[in-house]
Amino acid sequence: MTEALYGGVNAALITAMHADLSPDHRRTAAYAKWLLAHGCDGLGVLGTTGEANSFGLRERREILEKLVENGLPVTRLMPGTGCTSLTDTVELSRHARDLGCPGVLVLPPFYYKNPGEEGLYAYFSEVIERIGGGLALYLYHFPAQSAVPLTVELIGRLLEAFPGVVRGIKDSTGDAAQAEAYLSAFASRGFEVYPGGDSLFQRMLGLGAAGCITAATNLTSRFAQVVYSRRTGPEADAAQAMMNACRAAAGTVPLIPGLREILARSTGDEAWRHIRPPHTRLSPAEADGVWAAWQATGALPLPGLAEHGLLVASV
């Protein structure tokens, strides 16, 4: 079995923005470094939480380039490169490979609904062949957003056709049975399964998951690392319970603006509230409610913010 390229705790990195909604490279890099210093083994860059599909190709390339230029270790970055256009997916994937990323996270083509397995197989095959090697592909299974499920049968075909290239999957269904199906079918072949549901982490690790890639680990990575490192026992159980409580708190409001609100209040930095439409900021009542919910978990305050230049005056 090959070693997992992104084994461990991976946060689905939030992308900082300026007031004009352009990417804020300095803040994103500082925050990414904070995550790697506080429990993360790697970072899922430009995924759903990072609002990838609200950015254009030039912006997406630049966001990744600036992370590397600002000192983030490229081997610990898994950028999302899946687009509705085959050629855009290939362009972003080659760009990530040429920068030195070991792998990329690829959504299925998500505009045309209910594609057949043959169409999806043809799409991923074409992407892989056009990239031309030197890059691992991780499939991104999030049918609640993409409306395109990735079946065990499809993955089996891709593994047979492209051994060593299709390396794993991020399963963001939050469905234990779905993650277990992938693990049961492919874990023995070194296929890396990363649940996106925080509450499933400890359970899926026990079944052979390589790690996690989740949104809430933007704020709970230190607890997730305890679960990953300890696996079982009182410390791991307590850390998993904290992850569960925090994910429940995050779910009391729309997820992405809610995470931004907690960052804004924790750092005292209004800039973390900047978000691209169609996402919108929380209402004052929502903001107060999610802050109270997170405080009730005991996960706050976040440690080490000042050391990474993230702590400013209160807002």
C-alpha atoms as a PDB file:
ATOM      1  CA  MET A   1       0.000   0.000   0.000  1.00  0.00           C
ATOM      2  CA  THR A   2       1.356   3.415  -0.920  1.00  0.00           C
ATOM      3  CA  GLU A   3       1.607   6.130   1.712  1.00  0.00           C
ATOM      4  CA  ALA A   4      -1.200   8.682   1.673  1.00  0.00           C
ATOM      5  CA  LEU A   5      -0.038  11.918   0.072  1.00  0.00           C
ATOM      6  CA  TYR A   6      -2.295  14.021   2.292  1.00  0.00           C
ATOM      7  CA  GLY A   7      -2.682  11.715   5.262  1.00  0.00           C
ATOM      8  CA  GLY A   8      -3.918  13.485   8.373  1.00  0.00           C
ATOM      9  CA  VAL A   9      -5.920  16.609   9.120  1.00  0.00           C
ATOM     10  CA  ASN A  10      -6.651  18.927   6.204  1.00  0.00           C
ATOM     11  CA  ALA A  11      -8.692  22.102   6.576  1.00  0.00           C
ATOM     12  CA  ALA A  12     -10.790  23.311   3.657  1.00  0.00           C
ATOM     13  CA  LEU A  13      -9.041  26.672   3.692  1.00  0.00           C
ATOM     14  CA  ILE A  14     -11.083  29.888   3.833  1.00  0.00           C
ATOM     15  CA  THR A  15      -9.931  32.453   1.250  1.00  0.00           C
ATOM     16  CA  ALA A  16      -9.494  35.937   2.720  1.00  0.00           C
ATOM     17  CA  MET A  17     -10.769  38.890   0.676  1.00  0.00           C
ATOM     18  CA  HIS A  18     -10.354  42.644   0.562  1.00  0.00           C
ATOM     19  CA  ALA A  19     -13.321  44.998   0.825  1.00  0.00           C
ATOM     20  CA  ASP A  20     -13.545  45.070  -2.986  1.00  0.00           C
ATOM     21  CA  LEU A  21     -13.804  41.235  -2.864  1.00  0.00           C
ATOM     22  CA  SER A  22     -10.432  40.658  -4.516  1.00  0.00           C
ATOM     23  CA  PRO A  23      -8.329  37.882  -2.948  1.00  0.00           C
ATOM     24  CA  ASP A  24      -6.330  38.973   0.095  1.00  0.00           C
ATOM     25  CA  HIS A  25      -3.132  36.979  -0.308  1.00  0.00           C
ATOM     26  CA  ARG A  26      -1.403  38.218   2.842  1.00  0.00           C
ATOM     27  CA  ARG A  27      -4.247  37.309   5.174  1.00  0.00           C
ATOM     28  CA  THR A  28      -4.856  33.961   3.481  1.00  0.00           C
ATOM     29  CA  ALA A  29      -1.190  33.000   3.800  1.00  0.00           C
ATOM     30  CA  ALA A  30      -0.946  34.095   7.440  1.00  0.00           C
ATOM     31  CA  TYR A  31      -4.066  32.140   8.279  1.00  0.00           C
ATOM     32  CA  ALA A  32      -2.840  29.072   6.366  1.00  0.00           C
ATOM     33  CA  LYS A  33       0.397  29.139   8.357  1.00  0.00           C
ATOM     34  CA  TRP A  34      -1.610  29.386  11.573  1.00  0.00           C
ATOM     35  CA  LEU A  35      -3.568  26.283  10.584  1.00  0.00           C
ATOM     36  CA  LEU A  36      -0.409  24.296   9.852  1.00  0.00           C
ATOM     37  CA  ALA A  37       0.952  25.354  13.235  1.00  0.00           C
ATOM     38  CA  HIS A  38      -2.221  24.341  15.065  1.00  0.00           C
ATOM     39  CA  GLY A  39      -3.050  20.821  14.013  1.00  0.00           C
ATOM     40  CA  CYS A  40      -3.311  20.738  10.235  1.00  0.00           C
ATOM     41  CA  ASP A  41      -1.111  18.406   8.206  1.00  0.00           C
ATOM     42  CA  GLY A  42      -2.295  19.885   4.921  1.00  0.00           C
ATOM     43  CA  LEU A  43      -4.724  22.325   3.367  1.00  0.00           C
ATOM     44  CA  GLY A  44      -7.495  21.927   0.834  1.00  0.00           C
ATOM     45  CA  VAL A  45      -7.117  25.163  -1.115  1.00  0.00           C
ATOM     46  CA  LEU A  46      -9.942  26.564  -3.248  1.00  0.00           C
ATOM     47  CA  GLY A  47     -12.607  24.074  -2.370  1.00  0.00           C
ATOM     48  CA  THR A  48     -16.209  24.811  -1.491  1.00  0.00           C
ATOM     49  CA  THR A  49     -15.330  26.604   1.755  1.00  0.00           C
ATOM     50  CA  GLY A  50     -12.667  28.582  -0.091  1.00  0.00           C
ATOM     51  CA  GLU A  51     -15.339  29.728  -2.574  1.00  0.00           C
ATOM     52  CA  ALA A  52     -13.376  28.402  -5.557  1.00  0.00           C
ATOM     53  CA  ASN A  53     -16.249  28.658  -7.992  1.00  0.00           C
ATOM     54  CA  SER A  54     -16.695  32.346  -7.177  1.00  0.00           C
ATOM     55  CA  PHE A  55     -13.192  33.027  -8.563  1.00  0.00           C
ATOM     56  CA  GLY A  56     -12.027  33.133 -12.166  1.00  0.00           C
ATOM     57  CA  LEU A  57      -9.144  31.137 -13.615  1.00  0.00           C
ATOM     58  CA  ARG A  58      -6.600  33.953 -13.296  1.00  0.00           C
ATOM     59  CA  GLU A  59      -7.612  34.546  -9.673  1.00  0.00           C
ATOM     60  CA  ARG A  60      -7.431  30.855  -8.837  1.00  0.00           C
ATOM     61  CA  ARG A  61      -3.951  30.524 -10.295  1.00  0.00           C
ATOM     62  CA  GLU A  62      -2.809  33.630  -8.436  1.00  0.00           C
ATOM     63  CA  ILE A  63      -4.236  32.511  -5.089  1.00  0.00           C
ATOM     64  CA  LEU A  64      -2.231  29.296  -5.291  1.00  0.00           C
ATOM     65  CA  GLU A  65       0.901  31.042  -6.538  1.00  0.00           C
ATOM     66  CA  LYS A  66       0.788  33.607  -3.723  1.00  0.00           C
ATOM     67  CA  LEU A  67       0.432  30.933  -1.067  1.00  0.00           C
ATOM     68  CA  VAL A  68       3.632  29.355  -2.339  1.00  0.00           C
ATOM     69  CA  GLU A  69       5.396  32.701  -2.705  1.00  0.00           C
ATOM     70  CA  ASN A  70       4.422  33.545   0.878  1.00  0.00           C
ATOM     71  CA  GLY A  71       6.123  30.450   2.230  1.00  0.00           C
ATOM     72  CA  LEU A  72       3.443  27.771   2.381  1.00  0.00           C
ATOM     73  CA  PRO A  73       4.940  24.329   1.696  1.00  0.00           C
ATOM     74  CA  VAL A  74       3.575  23.360  -1.704  1.00  0.00           C
ATOM     75  CA  THR A  75       3.619  19.632  -0.926  1.00  0.00           C
ATOM     76  CA  ARG A  76       0.975  20.223   1.741  1.00  0.00           C
ATOM     77  CA  LEU A  77      -1.473  21.993  -0.553  1.00  0.00           C
ATOM     78  CA  MET A  78      -4.310  20.198  -2.369  1.00  0.00           C
ATOM     79  CA  PRO A  79      -5.937  22.753  -4.664  1.00  0.00           C
ATOM     80  CA  GLY A  80      -9.401  22.306  -6.082  1.00  0.00           C
ATOM     81  CA  THR A  81      -9.238  22.382  -9.877  1.00  0.00           C
ATOM     82  CA  GLY A  82     -12.589  20.977 -11.001  1.00  0.00           C
ATOM     83  CA  CYS A  83     -14.554  23.255 -13.339  1.00  0.00           C
ATOM     84  CA  THR A  84     -17.500  22.839 -15.663  1.00  0.00           C
ATOM     85  CA  SER A  85     -15.086  23.200 -18.578  1.00  0.00           C
ATOM     86  CA  LEU A  86     -12.769  20.294 -19.296  1.00  0.00           C
ATOM     87  CA  THR A  87     -10.044  22.586 -20.587  1.00  0.00           C
ATOM     88  CA  ASP A  88     -10.220  24.846 -17.510  1.00  0.00           C
ATOM     89  CA  THR A  89      -9.879  21.804 -15.252  1.00  0.00           C
ATOM     90  CA  VAL A  90      -6.828  20.682 -17.190  1.00  0.00           C
ATOM     91  CA  GLU A  91      -5.289  24.171 -17.141  1.00  0.00           C
ATOM     92  CA  LEU A  92      -5.672  24.572 -13.376  1.00  0.00           C
ATOM     93  CA  SER A  93      -4.442  21.027 -12.737  1.00  0.00           C
ATOM     94  CA  ARG A  94      -1.324  21.461 -14.845  1.00  0.00           C
ATOM     95  CA  HIS A  95      -0.672  24.779 -13.129  1.00  0.00           C
ATOM     96  CA  ALA A  96      -0.860  23.106  -9.706  1.00  0.00           C
ATOM     97  CA  ARG A  97       1.439  20.301 -10.864  1.00  0.00           C
ATOM     98  CA  ASP A  98       3.970  22.730 -12.279  1.00  0.00           C
ATOM     99  CA  LEU A  99       4.051  24.627  -8.981  1.00  0.00           C
ATOM    100  CA  GLY A 100       4.835  21.364  -7.196  1.00  0.00           C
ATOM    101  CA  CYS A 101       1.520  20.241  -5.708  1.00  0.00           C
ATOM    102  CA  PRO A 102       1.403  16.438  -5.404  1.00  0.00           C
ATOM    103  CA  GLY A 103      -2.325  16.254  -6.099  1.00  0.00           C
ATOM    104  CA  VAL A 104      -5.497  18.141  -6.920  1.00  0.00           C
ATOM    105  CA  LEU A 105      -9.141  17.798  -5.909  1.00  0.00           C
ATOM    106  CA  VAL A 106     -11.429  17.521  -8.924  1.00  0.00           C
ATOM    107  CA  LEU A 107     -15.169  18.076  -8.951  1.00  0.00           C
ATOM    108  CA  PRO A 108     -17.176  16.325 -11.651  1.00  0.00           C
ATOM    109  CA  PRO A 109     -18.576  18.597 -14.389  1.00  0.00           C
ATOM    110  CA  PHE A 110     -21.495  20.040 -12.478  1.00  0.00           C
ATOM    111  CA  TYR A 111     -23.613  22.113 -14.838  1.00  0.00           C
ATOM    112  CA  TYR A 112     -25.252  19.320 -16.829  1.00  0.00           C
ATOM    113  CA  LYS A 113     -27.286  17.219 -14.409  1.00  0.00           C
ATOM    114  CA  ASN A 114     -27.742  13.451 -14.382  1.00  0.00           C
ATOM    115  CA  PRO A 115     -24.786  12.582 -16.613  1.00  0.00           C
ATOM    116  CA  GLY A 116     -24.380   8.872 -17.239  1.00  0.00           C
ATOM    117  CA  GLU A 117     -21.447   6.867 -15.976  1.00  0.00           C
ATOM    118  CA  GLU A 118     -20.023   6.737 -19.498  1.00  0.00           C
ATOM    119  CA  GLY A 119     -20.007  10.519 -19.695  1.00  0.00           C
ATOM    120  CA  LEU A 120     -18.300  10.919 -16.337  1.00  0.00           C
ATOM    121  CA  TYR A 121     -15.768   8.214 -17.162  1.00  0.00           C
ATOM    122  CA  ALA A 122     -15.026   9.957 -20.460  1.00  0.00           C
ATOM    123  CA  TYR A 123     -14.648  13.326 -18.700  1.00  0.00           C
ATOM    124  CA  PHE A 124     -12.209  12.145 -16.030  1.00  0.00           C
ATOM    125  CA  SER A 125     -10.301  10.038 -18.569  1.00  0.00           C
ATOM    126  CA  GLU A 126      -9.882  13.005 -20.858  1.00  0.00           C
ATOM    127  CA  VAL A 127      -8.745  15.232 -18.000  1.00  0.00           C
ATOM    128  CA  ILE A 128      -6.157  12.689 -16.870  1.00  0.00           C
ATOM    129  CA  GLU A 129      -4.803  12.110 -20.360  1.00  0.00           C
ATOM    130  CA  ARG A 130      -4.571  15.825 -21.131  1.00  0.00           C
ATOM    131  CA  ILE A 131      -2.775  16.628 -17.864  1.00  0.00           C
ATOM    132  CA  GLY A 132      -0.071  14.274 -19.015  1.00  0.00           C
ATOM    133  CA  GLY A 133       1.156  12.716 -15.775  1.00  0.00           C
ATOM    134  CA  GLY A 134       3.040  13.826 -12.699  1.00  0.00           C
ATOM    135  CA  LEU A 135      -0.068  14.557 -10.646  1.00  0.00           C
ATOM    136  CA  ALA A 136      -2.403  12.598  -8.392  1.00  0.00           C
ATOM    137  CA  LEU A 137      -6.141  13.164  -8.821  1.00  0.00           C
ATOM    138  CA  TYR A 138      -8.538  13.152  -5.901  1.00  0.00           C
ATOM    139  CA  LEU A 139     -12.220  12.974  -6.758  1.00  0.00           C
ATOM    140  CA  TYR A 140     -14.549  15.412  -5.011  1.00  0.00           C
ATOM    141  CA  HIS A 141     -17.861  13.805  -4.092  1.00  0.00           C
ATOM    142  CA  PHE A 142     -20.333  16.472  -2.998  1.00  0.00           C
ATOM    143  CA  PRO A 143     -23.650  15.737  -4.726  1.00  0.00           C
ATOM    144  CA  ALA A 144     -25.540  18.164  -2.460  1.00  0.00           C
ATOM    145  CA  GLN A 145     -23.666  20.936  -4.304  1.00  0.00           C
ATOM    146  CA  SER A 146     -22.673  19.370  -7.626  1.00  0.00           C
ATOM    147  CA  ALA A 147     -25.786  17.194  -8.092  1.00  0.00           C
ATOM    148  CA  VAL A 148     -23.423  14.642  -9.673  1.00  0.00           C
ATOM    149  CA  PRO A 149     -22.776  11.533  -7.543  1.00  0.00           C
ATOM    150  CA  LEU A 150     -19.645   9.433  -8.018  1.00  0.00           C
ATOM    151  CA  THR A 151     -20.455   5.733  -7.750  1.00  0.00           C
ATOM    152  CA  VAL A 152     -18.278   2.911  -6.525  1.00  0.00           C
ATOM    153  CA  GLU A 153     -18.542   1.398 -10.002  1.00  0.00           C
ATOM    154  CA  LEU A 154     -17.234   4.554 -11.688  1.00  0.00           C
ATOM    155  CA  ILE A 155     -14.305   4.816  -9.300  1.00  0.00           C
ATOM    156  CA  GLY A 156     -13.470   1.154  -9.859  1.00  0.00           C
ATOM    157  CA  ARG A 157     -13.267   1.735 -13.599  1.00  0.00           C
ATOM    158  CA  LEU A 158     -11.018   4.754 -13.162  1.00  0.00           C
ATOM    159  CA  LEU A 159      -8.709   2.864 -10.827  1.00  0.00           C
ATOM    160  CA  GLU A 160      -8.366   0.066 -13.332  1.00  0.00           C
ATOM    161  CA  ALA A 161      -7.690   2.431 -16.207  1.00  0.00           C
ATOM    162  CA  PHE A 162      -5.396   4.849 -14.352  1.00  0.00           C
ATOM    163  CA  PRO A 163      -3.622   2.971 -11.551  1.00  0.00           C
ATOM    164  CA  GLY A 164      -1.613   5.266  -9.296  1.00  0.00           C
ATOM    165  CA  VAL A 165      -3.197   8.396 -10.777  1.00  0.00           C
ATOM    166  CA  VAL A 166      -6.670   8.397  -9.217  1.00  0.00           C
ATOM    167  CA  ARG A 167      -5.446   8.327  -5.631  1.00  0.00           C
ATOM    168  CA  GLY A 168      -8.443   9.095  -3.478  1.00  0.00           C
ATOM    169  CA  ILE A 169     -11.682  10.911  -2.790  1.00  0.00           C
ATOM    170  CA  LYS A 170     -13.089  13.597  -0.557  1.00  0.00           C
ATOM    171  CA  ASP A 171     -16.556  12.439   0.445  1.00  0.00           C
ATOM    172  CA  SER A 172     -18.606  15.423   1.577  1.00  0.00           C
ATOM    173  CA  THR A 173     -21.945  13.659   1.816  1.00  0.00           C
ATOM    174  CA  GLY A 174     -21.749  13.324   5.591  1.00  0.00           C
ATOM    175  CA  ASP A 175     -23.202   9.859   5.027  1.00  0.00           C
ATOM    176  CA  ALA A 176     -21.327   7.174   6.932  1.00  0.00           C
ATOM    177  CA  ALA A 177     -22.633   4.447   4.638  1.00  0.00           C
ATOM    178  CA  GLN A 178     -21.235   6.221   1.572  1.00  0.00           C
ATOM    179  CA  ALA A 179     -17.780   6.672   3.078  1.00  0.00           C
ATOM    180  CA  GLU A 180     -17.805   3.092   4.290  1.00  0.00           C
ATOM    181  CA  ALA A 181     -18.672   1.883   0.781  1.00  0.00           C
ATOM    182  CA  TYR A 182     -15.613   3.611  -0.660  1.00  0.00           C
ATOM    183  CA  LEU A 183     -13.404   2.258   2.123  1.00  0.00           C
ATOM    184  CA  SER A 184     -14.750  -1.259   1.816  1.00  0.00           C
ATOM    185  CA  ALA A 185     -14.237  -1.321  -1.932  1.00  0.00           C
ATOM    186  CA  PHE A 186     -10.882   0.416  -2.279  1.00  0.00           C
ATOM    187  CA  ALA A 187      -8.968   1.055   0.977  1.00  0.00           C
ATOM    188  CA  SER A 188      -7.021  -2.196   0.632  1.00  0.00           C
ATOM    189  CA  ARG A 189      -5.702  -0.888  -2.704  1.00  0.00           C
ATOM    190  CA  GLY A 190      -4.275   2.273  -1.157  1.00  0.00           C
ATOM    191  CA  PHE A 191      -7.184   4.476  -2.223  1.00  0.00           C
ATOM    192  CA  GLU A 192      -7.282   7.459   0.147  1.00  0.00           C
ATOM    193  CA  VAL A 193     -10.695   8.337   1.568  1.00  0.00           C
ATOM    194  CA  TYR A 194     -11.107  11.722   3.273  1.00  0.00           C
ATOM    195  CA  PRO A 195     -14.481  12.305   4.960  1.00  0.00           C
ATOM    196  CA  GLY A 196     -15.752  15.864   4.864  1.00  0.00           C
ATOM    197  CA  GLY A 197     -18.066  15.285   7.823  1.00  0.00           C
ATOM    198  CA  ASP A 198     -16.381  16.205  11.119  1.00  0.00           C
ATOM    199  CA  SER A 199     -18.573  13.877  13.166  1.00  0.00           C
ATOM    200  CA  LEU A 200     -17.421  10.874  11.113  1.00  0.00           C
ATOM    201  CA  PHE A 201     -13.700  11.387  11.569  1.00  0.00           C
ATOM    202  CA  GLN A 202     -12.843   8.961  14.378  1.00  0.00           C
ATOM    203  CA  ARG A 203     -15.177   6.283  13.045  1.00  0.00           C
ATOM    204  CA  MET A 204     -13.797   6.463   9.507  1.00  0.00           C
ATOM    205  CA  LEU A 205     -10.196   6.437  10.707  1.00  0.00           C
ATOM    206  CA  GLY A 206     -10.976   3.132  12.364  1.00  0.00           C
ATOM    207  CA  LEU A 207     -12.137   1.778   9.010  1.00  0.00           C
ATOM    208  CA  GLY A 208      -9.057   2.920   7.133  1.00  0.00           C
ATOM    209  CA  ALA A 209      -9.660   6.551   6.141  1.00  0.00           C
ATOM    210  CA  ALA A 210      -6.466   8.455   5.319  1.00  0.00           C
ATOM    211  CA  GLY A 211      -7.550  11.590   7.171  1.00  0.00           C
ATOM    212  CA  CYS A 212     -10.124  14.333   6.741  1.00  0.00           C
ATOM    213  CA  ILE A 213     -10.746  17.463   4.687  1.00  0.00           C
ATOM    214  CA  THR A 214     -13.391  19.506   6.460  1.00  0.00           C
ATOM    215  CA  ALA A 215     -14.695  23.047   6.773  1.00  0.00           C
ATOM    216  CA  ALA A 216     -14.964  23.211  10.556  1.00  0.00           C
ATOM    217  CA  THR A 217     -11.293  22.253  10.980  1.00  0.00           C
ATOM    218  CA  ASN A 218     -10.617  25.872  10.004  1.00  0.00           C
ATOM    219  CA  LEU A 219     -11.348  26.413  13.698  1.00  0.00           C
ATOM    220  CA  THR A 220     -10.984  22.940  15.254  1.00  0.00           C
ATOM    221  CA  SER A 221      -7.791  21.564  13.712  1.00  0.00           C
ATOM    222  CA  ARG A 222      -6.086  21.132  17.079  1.00  0.00           C
ATOM    223  CA  PHE A 223      -8.854  18.782  18.207  1.00  0.00           C
ATOM    224  CA  ALA A 224      -8.879  16.919  14.900  1.00  0.00           C
ATOM    225  CA  GLN A 225      -5.154  16.311  15.255  1.00  0.00           C
ATOM    226  CA  VAL A 226      -5.712  14.635  18.617  1.00  0.00           C
ATOM    227  CA  VAL A 227      -8.271  12.325  17.023  1.00  0.00           C
ATOM    228  CA  TYR A 228      -5.913  11.538  14.154  1.00  0.00           C
ATOM    229  CA  SER A 229      -2.882  10.970  16.379  1.00  0.00           C
ATOM    230  CA  ARG A 230      -4.561   9.043  19.198  1.00  0.00           C
ATOM    231  CA  ARG A 231      -7.338   7.292  17.247  1.00  0.00           C
ATOM    232  CA  THR A 232      -8.892   5.699  20.358  1.00  0.00           C
ATOM    233  CA  GLY A 233      -8.986   6.286  24.082  1.00  0.00           C
ATOM    234  CA  PRO A 234     -10.247   9.068  26.343  1.00  0.00           C
ATOM    235  CA  GLU A 235      -8.279  11.883  24.690  1.00  0.00           C
ATOM    236  CA  ALA A 236      -9.404  10.929  21.208  1.00  0.00           C
ATOM    237  CA  ASP A 237     -12.990  10.488  22.350  1.00  0.00           C
ATOM    238  CA  ALA A 238     -13.026  13.899  24.035  1.00  0.00           C
ATOM    239  CA  ALA A 239     -11.501  15.560  20.980  1.00  0.00           C
ATOM    240  CA  GLN A 240     -14.057  13.912  18.696  1.00  0.00           C
ATOM    241  CA  ALA A 241     -16.839  15.091  21.000  1.00  0.00           C
ATOM    242  CA  MET A 242     -15.454  18.622  20.686  1.00  0.00           C
ATOM    243  CA  MET A 243     -15.417  18.298  16.892  1.00  0.00           C
ATOM    244  CA  ASN A 244     -19.042  17.156  17.001  1.00  0.00           C
ATOM    245  CA  ALA A 245     -20.086  20.081  19.179  1.00  0.00           C
ATOM    246  CA  CYS A 246     -18.271  22.609  17.007  1.00  0.00           C
ATOM    247  CA  ARG A 247     -19.759  21.240  13.805  1.00  0.00           C
ATOM    248  CA  ALA A 248     -23.208  21.478  15.362  1.00  0.00           C
ATOM    249  CA  ALA A 249     -22.486  25.100  16.307  1.00  0.00           C
ATOM    250  CA  ALA A 250     -21.307  25.824  12.763  1.00  0.00           C
ATOM    251  CA  GLY A 251     -24.515  24.367  11.403  1.00  0.00           C
ATOM    252  CA  THR A 252     -26.744  26.864  13.197  1.00  0.00           C
ATOM    253  CA  VAL A 253     -26.187  29.377  10.369  1.00  0.00           C
ATOM    254  CA  PRO A 254     -25.040  29.203   6.731  1.00  0.00           C
ATOM    255  CA  LEU A 255     -21.647  27.534   6.990  1.00  0.00           C
ATOM    256  CA  ILE A 256     -19.214  29.779   5.115  1.00  0.00           C
ATOM    257  CA  PRO A 257     -20.323  33.195   6.441  1.00  0.00           C
ATOM    258  CA  GLY A 258     -20.628  31.584   9.870  1.00  0.00           C
ATOM    259  CA  LEU A 259     -17.006  30.451   9.886  1.00  0.00           C
ATOM    260  CA  ARG A 260     -15.960  33.893   8.683  1.00  0.00           C
ATOM    261  CA  GLU A 261     -17.897  35.501  11.531  1.00  0.00           C
ATOM    262  CA  ILE A 262     -16.097  33.395  14.131  1.00  0.00           C
ATOM    263  CA  LEU A 263     -12.753  34.314  12.579  1.00  0.00           C
ATOM    264  CA  ALA A 264     -13.679  38.003  12.510  1.00  0.00           C
ATOM    265  CA  ARG A 265     -14.656  38.045  16.177  1.00  0.00           C
ATOM    266  CA  SER A 266     -11.723  35.844  17.246  1.00  0.00           C
ATOM    267  CA  THR A 267      -9.134  37.979  15.456  1.00  0.00           C
ATOM    268  CA  GLY A 268     -10.849  41.349  15.811  1.00  0.00           C
ATOM    269  CA  ASP A 269     -10.477  41.681  12.052  1.00  0.00           C
ATOM    270  CA  GLU A 270     -13.524  42.868  10.096  1.00  0.00           C
ATOM    271  CA  ALA A 271     -11.901  41.742   6.838  1.00  0.00           C
ATOM    272  CA  TRP A 272     -12.782  38.117   7.517  1.00  0.00           C
ATOM    273  CA  ARG A 273     -16.442  39.001   6.948  1.00  0.00           C
ATOM    274  CA  HIS A 274     -15.822  39.891   3.296  1.00  0.00           C
ATOM    275  CA  ILE A 275     -17.561  37.297   1.146  1.00  0.00           C
ATOM    276  CA  ARG A 276     -18.481  37.037  -2.519  1.00  0.00           C
ATOM    277  CA  PRO A 277     -22.083  36.913  -3.653  1.00  0.00           C
ATOM    278  CA  PRO A 278     -24.237  34.933  -3.840  1.00  0.00           C
ATOM    279  CA  HIS A 279     -23.051  34.270  -0.278  1.00  0.00           C
ATOM    280  CA  THR A 280     -23.997  37.066   2.112  1.00  0.00           C
ATOM    281  CA  ARG A 281     -22.896  38.159   5.556  1.00  0.00           C
ATOM    282  CA  LEU A 282     -24.873  36.987   8.547  1.00  0.00           C
ATOM    283  CA  SER A 283     -27.524  39.227  10.019  1.00  0.00           C
ATOM    284  CA  PRO A 284     -26.663  40.721  13.437  1.00  0.00           C
ATOM    285  CA  ALA A 285     -28.935  38.199  15.138  1.00  0.00           C
ATOM    286  CA  GLU A 286     -27.371  35.291  13.263  1.00  0.00           C
ATOM    287  CA  ALA A 287     -23.881  36.556  14.036  1.00  0.00           C
ATOM    288  CA  ASP A 288     -24.593  36.850  17.764  1.00  0.00           C
ATOM    289  CA  GLY A 289     -26.247  33.442  17.775  1.00  0.00           C
ATOM    290  CA  VAL A 290     -23.417  31.547  16.094  1.00  0.00           C
ATOM    291  CA  TRP A 291     -20.846  33.286  18.301  1.00  0.00           C
ATOM    292  CA  ALA A 292     -22.773  32.195  21.400  1.00  0.00           C
ATOM    293  CA  ALA A 293     -23.029  28.655  20.026  1.00  0.00           C
ATOM    294  CA  TRP A 294     -19.283  28.440  19.441  1.00  0.00           C
ATOM    295  CA  GLN A 295     -18.500  29.930  22.850  1.00  0.00           C
ATOM    296  CA  ALA A 296     -20.698  27.295  24.460  1.00  0.00           C
ATOM    297  CA  THR A 297     -18.550  24.512  22.991  1.00  0.00           C
ATOM    298  CA  GLY A 298     -15.467  25.595  24.914  1.00  0.00           C
ATOM    299  CA  ALA A 299     -13.377  25.682  21.709  1.00  0.00           C
ATOM    300  CA  LEU A 300     -12.759  29.437  21.951  1.00  0.00           C
ATOM    301  CA  PRO A 301     -10.576  31.447  22.159  1.00  0.00           C
ATOM    302  CA  LEU A 302      -8.400  30.281  19.280  1.00  0.00           C
ATOM    303  CA  PRO A 303      -4.751  29.928  20.331  1.00  0.00           C
ATOM    304  CA  GLY A 304      -1.701  31.569  18.788  1.00  0.00           C
ATOM    305  CA  LEU A 305      -3.389  34.225  16.670  1.00  0.00           C
ATOM    306  CA  ALA A 306      -1.092  37.057  17.729  1.00  0.00           C
ATOM    307  CA  GLU A 307       2.036  35.073  16.887  1.00  0.00           C
ATOM    308  CA  HIS A 308       0.856  34.764  13.297  1.00  0.00           C
ATOM    309  CA  GLY A 309      -0.108  38.410  12.915  1.00  0.00           C
ATOM    310  CA  LEU A 310      -3.835  37.631  12.888  1.00  0.00           C
ATOM    311  CA  LEU A 311      -4.933  39.395  16.055  1.00  0.00           C
ATOM    312  CA  VAL A 312      -6.020  43.043  15.760  1.00  0.00           C
ATOM    313  CA  ALA A 313      -8.291  45.392  17.691  1.00  0.00           C
ATOM    314  CA  SER A 314     -11.770  44.229  18.632  1.00  0.00           C
ATOM    315  CA  VAL A 315     -14.663  44.593  16.184  1.00  0.00           C
END
